[in-house]
Amino acid sequence: MIGDFLNFAEGPLLWIIFIIFCMGILLRVVFFIFNIFTSNQTTNSHFSIKYIFIITIRAHLGIELYTLGIKAQQFAIRDKYRMSLECIAQETENSVYLVMRSGFDALCVEHIDTKLPIRIMAYNIGSRRPLGIGSASLALLSFSRDDEIETILEANKLRCKKHNNMTVQKLRSLINLARKFGYVFNEGNYMKGVNGVGVPIYNHQGNVVAAISVAAISERIDQARSKKIARLIKSEIVLVR
């Protein structure tokens, strides 16, 4: 039953809340316009003030409900993969991150730190980056639909350039490599001397909803080891699903 709720919260619940919010706003706008054209001028002013107030309150409540739905989705995915993150961290002895898409950003919702003296703080819980910057963030971008990728690249091109001068052309090249190998190997693209591996998480509709990444100094994650880490992450994701 818990598993069914988590699956529901990952997709349908968020969409249901969003659709109710949109329908509520639409109906109130239509009702407001109808009263403007069917009331006399004096009454019309009263309707205007009244229903502008109502629409404002309803819109605020709708936004709050939508935000609550997003939070529910984040908690559901975080709880669902918590044990997997711990297993990956224990096996690799490196820092592990769970990241979700939030608009054109990647949002860190969980982080398991390594016990080694040298630690990589690629993300803090709650921190954001433009999609494409970092291993998990690049996994979210690379395995999205082609039309989504183009929209994101255009929206984030100036923001990404602030991160190690990352260009759209460079991102396209990294996306092609990620799709070729089935995972992201980030070789110092975001932070010099720091490598990472990112693997996407899909929902039951086949859409990318999150990603898991492992980050460490370059000596601990090279090309050969990145393959093993990617296999480990993928196996943990499969076990959860």
C-alpha atoms as a PDB file:
ATOM      1  CA  MET A   1       0.000   0.000   0.000  1.00  0.00           C
ATOM      2  CA  ILE A   2       2.860   2.383   0.828  1.00  0.00           C
ATOM      3  CA  GLY A   3       4.469   1.599  -2.513  1.00  0.00           C
ATOM      4  CA  ASP A   4       1.203   2.364  -4.328  1.00  0.00           C
ATOM      5  CA  PHE A   5       0.967   5.737  -2.584  1.00  0.00           C
ATOM      6  CA  LEU A   6       4.567   6.616  -3.506  1.00  0.00           C
ATOM      7  CA  ASN A   7       3.911   5.777  -7.155  1.00  0.00           C
ATOM      8  CA  PHE A   8       0.709   7.831  -7.031  1.00  0.00           C
ATOM      9  CA  ALA A   9       2.506  10.810  -5.447  1.00  0.00           C
ATOM     10  CA  GLU A  10       5.252  10.713  -8.073  1.00  0.00           C
ATOM     11  CA  GLY A  11       2.892  11.444 -10.947  1.00  0.00           C
ATOM     12  CA  PRO A  12      -0.937  11.469 -10.837  1.00  0.00           C
ATOM     13  CA  LEU A  13      -1.273  13.318  -7.507  1.00  0.00           C
ATOM     14  CA  LEU A  14       0.771  16.287  -8.707  1.00  0.00           C
ATOM     15  CA  TRP A  15      -1.131  16.486 -11.990  1.00  0.00           C
ATOM     16  CA  ILE A  16      -4.532  16.191 -10.289  1.00  0.00           C
ATOM     17  CA  ILE A  17      -3.717  19.102  -7.962  1.00  0.00           C
ATOM     18  CA  PHE A  18      -2.420  21.170 -10.871  1.00  0.00           C
ATOM     19  CA  ILE A  19      -5.517  20.470 -13.030  1.00  0.00           C
ATOM     20  CA  ILE A  20      -7.889  21.335 -10.154  1.00  0.00           C
ATOM     21  CA  PHE A  21      -5.975  24.569  -9.631  1.00  0.00           C
ATOM     22  CA  CYS A  22      -6.211  25.528 -13.329  1.00  0.00           C
ATOM     23  CA  MET A  23      -9.890  24.615 -13.605  1.00  0.00           C
ATOM     24  CA  GLY A  24     -10.735  26.594 -10.489  1.00  0.00           C
ATOM     25  CA  ILE A  25      -9.015  29.722 -11.785  1.00  0.00           C
ATOM     26  CA  LEU A  26     -10.597  29.345 -15.253  1.00  0.00           C
ATOM     27  CA  LEU A  27     -14.133  28.965 -13.874  1.00  0.00           C
ATOM     28  CA  ARG A  28     -13.759  31.979 -11.653  1.00  0.00           C
ATOM     29  CA  VAL A  29     -12.432  34.127 -14.479  1.00  0.00           C
ATOM     30  CA  VAL A  30     -15.370  33.084 -16.689  1.00  0.00           C
ATOM     31  CA  PHE A  31     -17.843  33.791 -13.885  1.00  0.00           C
ATOM     32  CA  PHE A  32     -16.242  37.170 -13.257  1.00  0.00           C
ATOM     33  CA  ILE A  33     -16.449  38.173 -16.944  1.00  0.00           C
ATOM     34  CA  PHE A  34     -20.052  36.933 -17.165  1.00  0.00           C
ATOM     35  CA  ASN A  35     -21.106  39.141 -14.264  1.00  0.00           C
ATOM     36  CA  ILE A  36     -19.387  42.168 -15.782  1.00  0.00           C
ATOM     37  CA  PHE A  37     -21.495  41.887 -18.949  1.00  0.00           C
ATOM     38  CA  THR A  38     -24.780  40.988 -17.283  1.00  0.00           C
ATOM     39  CA  SER A  39     -24.847  43.525 -14.439  1.00  0.00           C
ATOM     40  CA  ASN A  40     -25.578  47.240 -14.602  1.00  0.00           C
ATOM     41  CA  GLN A  41     -22.764  49.721 -14.113  1.00  0.00           C
ATOM     42  CA  THR A  42     -23.357  50.289 -10.407  1.00  0.00           C
ATOM     43  CA  THR A  43     -23.716  46.657  -9.539  1.00  0.00           C
ATOM     44  CA  ASN A  44     -20.829  45.888 -11.849  1.00  0.00           C
ATOM     45  CA  SER A  45     -18.357  47.789  -9.711  1.00  0.00           C
ATOM     46  CA  HIS A  46     -19.412  45.790  -6.650  1.00  0.00           C
ATOM     47  CA  PHE A  47     -19.049  42.537  -8.573  1.00  0.00           C
ATOM     48  CA  SER A  48     -15.621  43.618  -9.799  1.00  0.00           C
ATOM     49  CA  ILE A  49     -14.275  44.283  -6.320  1.00  0.00           C
ATOM     50  CA  LYS A  50     -15.890  41.166  -4.887  1.00  0.00           C
ATOM     51  CA  TYR A  51     -14.776  38.720  -7.515  1.00  0.00           C
ATOM     52  CA  ILE A  52     -11.284  40.128  -7.958  1.00  0.00           C
ATOM     53  CA  PHE A  53     -10.889  39.458  -4.239  1.00  0.00           C
ATOM     54  CA  ILE A  54     -12.311  35.938  -4.586  1.00  0.00           C
ATOM     55  CA  ILE A  55     -10.082  35.135  -7.575  1.00  0.00           C
ATOM     56  CA  THR A  56      -7.026  36.404  -5.719  1.00  0.00           C
ATOM     57  CA  ILE A  57      -7.775  34.253  -2.674  1.00  0.00           C
ATOM     58  CA  ARG A  58      -8.543  31.170  -4.781  1.00  0.00           C
ATOM     59  CA  ALA A  59      -5.403  31.654  -6.858  1.00  0.00           C
ATOM     60  CA  HIS A  60      -3.325  31.879  -3.692  1.00  0.00           C
ATOM     61  CA  LEU A  61      -4.888  28.691  -2.331  1.00  0.00           C
ATOM     62  CA  GLY A  62      -4.348  26.966  -5.684  1.00  0.00           C
ATOM     63  CA  ILE A  63      -0.667  27.895  -5.698  1.00  0.00           C
ATOM     64  CA  GLU A  64      -0.319  26.630  -2.128  1.00  0.00           C
ATOM     65  CA  LEU A  65      -1.954  23.319  -3.102  1.00  0.00           C
ATOM     66  CA  TYR A  66       0.324  22.983  -6.113  1.00  0.00           C
ATOM     67  CA  THR A  67       3.381  23.699  -3.951  1.00  0.00           C
ATOM     68  CA  LEU A  68       2.154  21.103  -1.460  1.00  0.00           C
ATOM     69  CA  GLY A  69       1.855  18.575  -4.291  1.00  0.00           C
ATOM     70  CA  ILE A  70       5.433  19.250  -5.378  1.00  0.00           C
ATOM     71  CA  LYS A  71       6.659  18.828  -1.786  1.00  0.00           C
ATOM     72  CA  ALA A  72       4.746  15.543  -1.516  1.00  0.00           C
ATOM     73  CA  GLN A  73       6.425  14.300  -4.684  1.00  0.00           C
ATOM     74  CA  GLN A  74       9.863  15.264  -3.381  1.00  0.00           C
ATOM     75  CA  PHE A  75       9.319  13.507  -0.048  1.00  0.00           C
ATOM     76  CA  ALA A  76       7.901  10.426  -1.764  1.00  0.00           C
ATOM     77  CA  ILE A  77      10.902  10.002  -4.070  1.00  0.00           C
ATOM     78  CA  ARG A  78      13.388  10.805  -1.316  1.00  0.00           C
ATOM     79  CA  ASP A  79      11.901   8.204   1.026  1.00  0.00           C
ATOM     80  CA  LYS A  80      11.612   5.676  -1.787  1.00  0.00           C
ATOM     81  CA  TYR A  81      15.331   5.846  -2.671  1.00  0.00           C
ATOM     82  CA  ARG A  82      16.859   6.603   0.731  1.00  0.00           C
ATOM     83  CA  MET A  83      18.085   3.068   1.371  1.00  0.00           C
ATOM     84  CA  SER A  84      19.457   2.820  -2.172  1.00  0.00           C
ATOM     85  CA  LEU A  85      21.474   5.989  -1.659  1.00  0.00           C
ATOM     86  CA  GLU A  86      22.945   4.569   1.533  1.00  0.00           C
ATOM     87  CA  CYS A  87      23.870   1.311  -0.227  1.00  0.00           C
ATOM     88  CA  ILE A  88      25.545   3.208  -3.081  1.00  0.00           C
ATOM     89  CA  ALA A  89      27.458   5.415  -0.627  1.00  0.00           C
ATOM     90  CA  GLN A  90      28.627   2.397   1.356  1.00  0.00           C
ATOM     91  CA  GLU A  91      29.684   0.474  -1.740  1.00  0.00           C
ATOM     92  CA  THR A  92      31.527   3.340  -3.469  1.00  0.00           C
ATOM     93  CA  GLU A  93      32.704   5.208  -0.340  1.00  0.00           C
ATOM     94  CA  ASN A  94      31.838   8.441  -2.146  1.00  0.00           C
ATOM     95  CA  SER A  95      29.214  11.169  -1.761  1.00  0.00           C
ATOM     96  CA  VAL A  96      25.810  10.354  -3.269  1.00  0.00           C
ATOM     97  CA  TYR A  97      23.065  12.763  -4.334  1.00  0.00           C
ATOM     98  CA  LEU A  98      19.396  12.486  -5.238  1.00  0.00           C
ATOM     99  CA  VAL A  99      18.292  15.329  -7.501  1.00  0.00           C
ATOM    100  CA  MET A 100      14.910  16.214  -9.011  1.00  0.00           C
ATOM    101  CA  ARG A 101      13.867  18.529 -11.776  1.00  0.00           C
ATOM    102  CA  SER A 102      12.253  21.801 -10.715  1.00  0.00           C
ATOM    103  CA  GLY A 103      11.375  23.926 -13.731  1.00  0.00           C
ATOM    104  CA  PHE A 104      14.652  24.622 -15.543  1.00  0.00           C
ATOM    105  CA  ASP A 105      16.656  23.733 -12.421  1.00  0.00           C
ATOM    106  CA  ALA A 106      17.986  20.627 -10.736  1.00  0.00           C
ATOM    107  CA  LEU A 107      17.012  20.525  -7.044  1.00  0.00           C
ATOM    108  CA  CYS A 108      18.920  18.401  -4.521  1.00  0.00           C
ATOM    109  CA  VAL A 109      16.476  16.564  -2.233  1.00  0.00           C
ATOM    110  CA  GLU A 110      18.871  14.146  -0.512  1.00  0.00           C
ATOM    111  CA  HIS A 111      22.592  13.746   0.097  1.00  0.00           C
ATOM    112  CA  ILE A 112      24.584  10.930   1.702  1.00  0.00           C
ATOM    113  CA  ASP A 113      28.101  12.030   2.589  1.00  0.00           C
ATOM    114  CA  THR A 114      31.239   9.904   2.467  1.00  0.00           C
ATOM    115  CA  LYS A 115      33.172   9.057   5.617  1.00  0.00           C
ATOM    116  CA  LEU A 116      36.478   9.697   3.891  1.00  0.00           C
ATOM    117  CA  PRO A 117      38.556  12.724   4.956  1.00  0.00           C
ATOM    118  CA  ILE A 118      38.262  14.314   1.489  1.00  0.00           C
ATOM    119  CA  ARG A 119      34.620  15.203   0.857  1.00  0.00           C
ATOM    120  CA  ILE A 120      32.996  16.679  -2.215  1.00  0.00           C
ATOM    121  CA  MET A 121      30.120  19.040  -1.444  1.00  0.00           C
ATOM    122  CA  ALA A 122      28.683  19.129  -4.940  1.00  0.00           C
ATOM    123  CA  TYR A 123      25.203  19.857  -3.584  1.00  0.00           C
ATOM    124  CA  ASN A 124      23.540  20.819  -0.342  1.00  0.00           C
ATOM    125  CA  ILE A 125      19.975  19.654   0.251  1.00  0.00           C
ATOM    126  CA  GLY A 126      17.692  22.336  -1.150  1.00  0.00           C
ATOM    127  CA  SER A 127      20.337  23.841  -3.429  1.00  0.00           C
ATOM    128  CA  ARG A 128      19.646  24.392  -7.124  1.00  0.00           C
ATOM    129  CA  ARG A 129      21.586  24.450 -10.369  1.00  0.00           C
ATOM    130  CA  PRO A 130      20.642  25.019 -13.992  1.00  0.00           C
ATOM    131  CA  LEU A 131      19.779  21.742 -15.699  1.00  0.00           C
ATOM    132  CA  GLY A 132      22.941  20.439 -17.332  1.00  0.00           C
ATOM    133  CA  ILE A 133      25.380  21.580 -14.649  1.00  0.00           C
ATOM    134  CA  GLY A 134      26.666  18.624 -12.619  1.00  0.00           C
ATOM    135  CA  SER A 135      26.324  14.868 -13.046  1.00  0.00           C
ATOM    136  CA  ALA A 136      22.753  14.360 -11.797  1.00  0.00           C
ATOM    137  CA  SER A 137      21.605  17.610 -13.376  1.00  0.00           C
ATOM    138  CA  LEU A 138      23.088  16.594 -16.724  1.00  0.00           C
ATOM    139  CA  ALA A 139      21.380  13.189 -16.444  1.00  0.00           C
ATOM    140  CA  LEU A 140      18.029  14.929 -15.931  1.00  0.00           C
ATOM    141  CA  LEU A 141      18.658  16.977 -19.053  1.00  0.00           C
ATOM    142  CA  SER A 142      20.227  14.316 -21.275  1.00  0.00           C
ATOM    143  CA  PHE A 143      17.434  11.767 -20.929  1.00  0.00           C
ATOM    144  CA  SER A 144      14.536  14.183 -21.298  1.00  0.00           C
ATOM    145  CA  ARG A 145      12.540  14.399 -24.524  1.00  0.00           C
ATOM    146  CA  ASP A 146      14.241  16.125 -27.456  1.00  0.00           C
ATOM    147  CA  ASP A 147      11.792  19.032 -27.498  1.00  0.00           C
ATOM    148  CA  GLU A 148      12.250  19.564 -23.766  1.00  0.00           C
ATOM    149  CA  ILE A 149      16.025  19.567 -24.169  1.00  0.00           C
ATOM    150  CA  GLU A 150      15.875  22.314 -26.781  1.00  0.00           C
ATOM    151  CA  THR A 151      13.614  24.435 -24.575  1.00  0.00           C
ATOM    152  CA  ILE A 152      15.893  23.978 -21.554  1.00  0.00           C
ATOM    153  CA  LEU A 153      19.080  24.718 -23.487  1.00  0.00           C
ATOM    154  CA  GLU A 154      17.617  27.961 -24.797  1.00  0.00           C
ATOM    155  CA  ALA A 155      16.286  29.000 -21.385  1.00  0.00           C
ATOM    156  CA  ASN A 156      19.508  28.208 -19.499  1.00  0.00           C
ATOM    157  CA  LYS A 157      22.203  29.207 -21.992  1.00  0.00           C
ATOM    158  CA  LEU A 158      23.208  32.402 -20.168  1.00  0.00           C
ATOM    159  CA  ARG A 159      23.006  30.812 -16.717  1.00  0.00           C
ATOM    160  CA  CYS A 160      25.064  27.789 -17.749  1.00  0.00           C
ATOM    161  CA  LYS A 161      27.792  29.988 -19.168  1.00  0.00           C
ATOM    162  CA  LYS A 162      28.411  31.285 -15.650  1.00  0.00           C
ATOM    163  CA  HIS A 163      29.389  27.767 -14.604  1.00  0.00           C
ATOM    164  CA  ASN A 164      32.860  27.079 -15.961  1.00  0.00           C
ATOM    165  CA  ASN A 165      31.867  28.804 -19.230  1.00  0.00           C
ATOM    166  CA  MET A 166      29.541  25.931 -20.186  1.00  0.00           C
ATOM    167  CA  THR A 167      28.156  26.569 -23.674  1.00  0.00           C
ATOM    168  CA  VAL A 168      25.158  25.093 -25.461  1.00  0.00           C
ATOM    169  CA  GLN A 169      27.512  23.389 -27.938  1.00  0.00           C
ATOM    170  CA  LYS A 170      29.431  21.730 -25.098  1.00  0.00           C
ATOM    171  CA  LEU A 171      26.200  20.608 -23.456  1.00  0.00           C
ATOM    172  CA  ARG A 172      24.969  19.077 -26.706  1.00  0.00           C
ATOM    173  CA  SER A 173      28.204  17.098 -26.931  1.00  0.00           C
ATOM    174  CA  LEU A 174      27.841  15.880 -23.316  1.00  0.00           C
ATOM    175  CA  ILE A 175      24.192  14.942 -23.929  1.00  0.00           C
ATOM    176  CA  ASN A 176      25.172  12.850 -26.950  1.00  0.00           C
ATOM    177  CA  LEU A 177      27.835  11.041 -24.918  1.00  0.00           C
ATOM    178  CA  ALA A 178      25.401  10.384 -22.067  1.00  0.00           C
ATOM    179  CA  ARG A 179      22.827   8.916 -24.441  1.00  0.00           C
ATOM    180  CA  LYS A 180      25.484   6.807 -26.109  1.00  0.00           C
ATOM    181  CA  PHE A 181      26.678   5.228 -22.839  1.00  0.00           C
ATOM    182  CA  GLY A 182      23.361   5.294 -20.971  1.00  0.00           C
ATOM    183  CA  TYR A 183      24.697   7.409 -18.099  1.00  0.00           C
ATOM    184  CA  VAL A 184      26.617  10.613 -17.435  1.00  0.00           C
ATOM    185  CA  PHE A 185      30.349  10.641 -16.774  1.00  0.00           C
ATOM    186  CA  ASN A 186      31.193  14.155 -15.670  1.00  0.00           C
ATOM    187  CA  GLU A 187      34.953  14.603 -15.986  1.00  0.00           C
ATOM    188  CA  GLY A 188      35.625  17.896 -14.253  1.00  0.00           C
ATOM    189  CA  ASN A 189      33.055  19.766 -16.355  1.00  0.00           C
ATOM    190  CA  TYR A 190      31.549  21.564 -13.377  1.00  0.00           C
ATOM    191  CA  MET A 191      34.396  21.592 -10.867  1.00  0.00           C
ATOM    192  CA  LYS A 192      38.033  21.049 -11.812  1.00  0.00           C
ATOM    193  CA  GLY A 193      39.484  17.893 -10.285  1.00  0.00           C
ATOM    194  CA  VAL A 194      36.039  16.503  -9.401  1.00  0.00           C
ATOM    195  CA  ASN A 195      34.427  13.710 -11.421  1.00  0.00           C
ATOM    196  CA  GLY A 196      30.950  12.294 -11.161  1.00  0.00           C
ATOM    197  CA  VAL A 197      28.520   9.700 -12.473  1.00  0.00           C
ATOM    198  CA  GLY A 198      24.827  10.427 -13.013  1.00  0.00           C
ATOM    199  CA  VAL A 199      21.986   8.024 -13.802  1.00  0.00           C
ATOM    200  CA  PRO A 200      18.352   9.041 -14.499  1.00  0.00           C
ATOM    201  CA  ILE A 201      15.265   7.733 -12.704  1.00  0.00           C
ATOM    202  CA  TYR A 202      12.116   7.280 -14.802  1.00  0.00           C
ATOM    203  CA  ASN A 203       8.510   7.199 -13.646  1.00  0.00           C
ATOM    204  CA  HIS A 204       5.998   4.618 -14.889  1.00  0.00           C
ATOM    205  CA  GLN A 205       5.148   6.855 -17.844  1.00  0.00           C
ATOM    206  CA  GLY A 206       8.770   6.747 -19.012  1.00  0.00           C
ATOM    207  CA  ASN A 207       9.573  10.353 -18.095  1.00  0.00           C
ATOM    208  CA  VAL A 208      12.697  11.383 -16.208  1.00  0.00           C
ATOM    209  CA  VAL A 209      11.708  12.579 -12.724  1.00  0.00           C
ATOM    210  CA  ALA A 210      14.973  12.381 -10.794  1.00  0.00           C
ATOM    211  CA  ALA A 211      18.603  11.295 -10.968  1.00  0.00           C
ATOM    212  CA  ILE A 212      21.196   9.762  -8.668  1.00  0.00           C
ATOM    213  CA  SER A 213      24.823  10.828  -8.849  1.00  0.00           C
ATOM    214  CA  VAL A 214      28.111   9.914  -7.204  1.00  0.00           C
ATOM    215  CA  ALA A 215      30.889  12.496  -6.948  1.00  0.00           C
ATOM    216  CA  ALA A 216      34.518  12.307  -5.843  1.00  0.00           C
ATOM    217  CA  ILE A 217      37.968  13.626  -6.642  1.00  0.00           C
ATOM    218  CA  SER A 218      39.139  12.568 -10.100  1.00  0.00           C
ATOM    219  CA  GLU A 219      41.575   9.975  -8.683  1.00  0.00           C
ATOM    220  CA  ARG A 220      38.649   8.036  -7.225  1.00  0.00           C
ATOM    221  CA  ILE A 221      36.386   8.068 -10.286  1.00  0.00           C
ATOM    222  CA  ASP A 222      38.012   7.500 -13.665  1.00  0.00           C
ATOM    223  CA  GLN A 223      36.426   6.259 -16.897  1.00  0.00           C
ATOM    224  CA  ALA A 224      36.786   2.581 -15.962  1.00  0.00           C
ATOM    225  CA  ARG A 225      35.333   2.976 -12.470  1.00  0.00           C
ATOM    226  CA  SER A 226      32.513   5.180 -13.759  1.00  0.00           C
ATOM    227  CA  LYS A 227      31.095   2.160 -15.605  1.00  0.00           C
ATOM    228  CA  LYS A 228      31.000   0.099 -12.407  1.00  0.00           C
ATOM    229  CA  ILE A 229      29.387   2.914 -10.464  1.00  0.00           C
ATOM    230  CA  ALA A 230      26.779   3.435 -13.184  1.00  0.00           C
ATOM    231  CA  ARG A 231      25.909  -0.284 -13.114  1.00  0.00           C
ATOM    232  CA  LEU A 232      25.581  -0.132  -9.327  1.00  0.00           C
ATOM    233  CA  ILE A 233      23.256   2.879  -9.432  1.00  0.00           C
ATOM    234  CA  LYS A 234      21.130   1.304 -12.167  1.00  0.00           C
ATOM    235  CA  SER A 235      20.815  -1.951 -10.217  1.00  0.00           C
ATOM    236  CA  GLU A 236      19.635  -0.069  -7.125  1.00  0.00           C
ATOM    237  CA  ILE A 237      17.070   1.857  -9.154  1.00  0.00           C
ATOM    238  CA  VAL A 238      15.747  -1.374 -10.643  1.00  0.00           C
ATOM    239  CA  LEU A 239      15.437  -2.938  -7.163  1.00  0.00           C
ATOM    240  CA  VAL A 240      13.330  -0.023  -5.952  1.00  0.00           C
ATOM    241  CA  ARG A 241      11.046  -0.006  -8.976  1.00  0.00           C
END
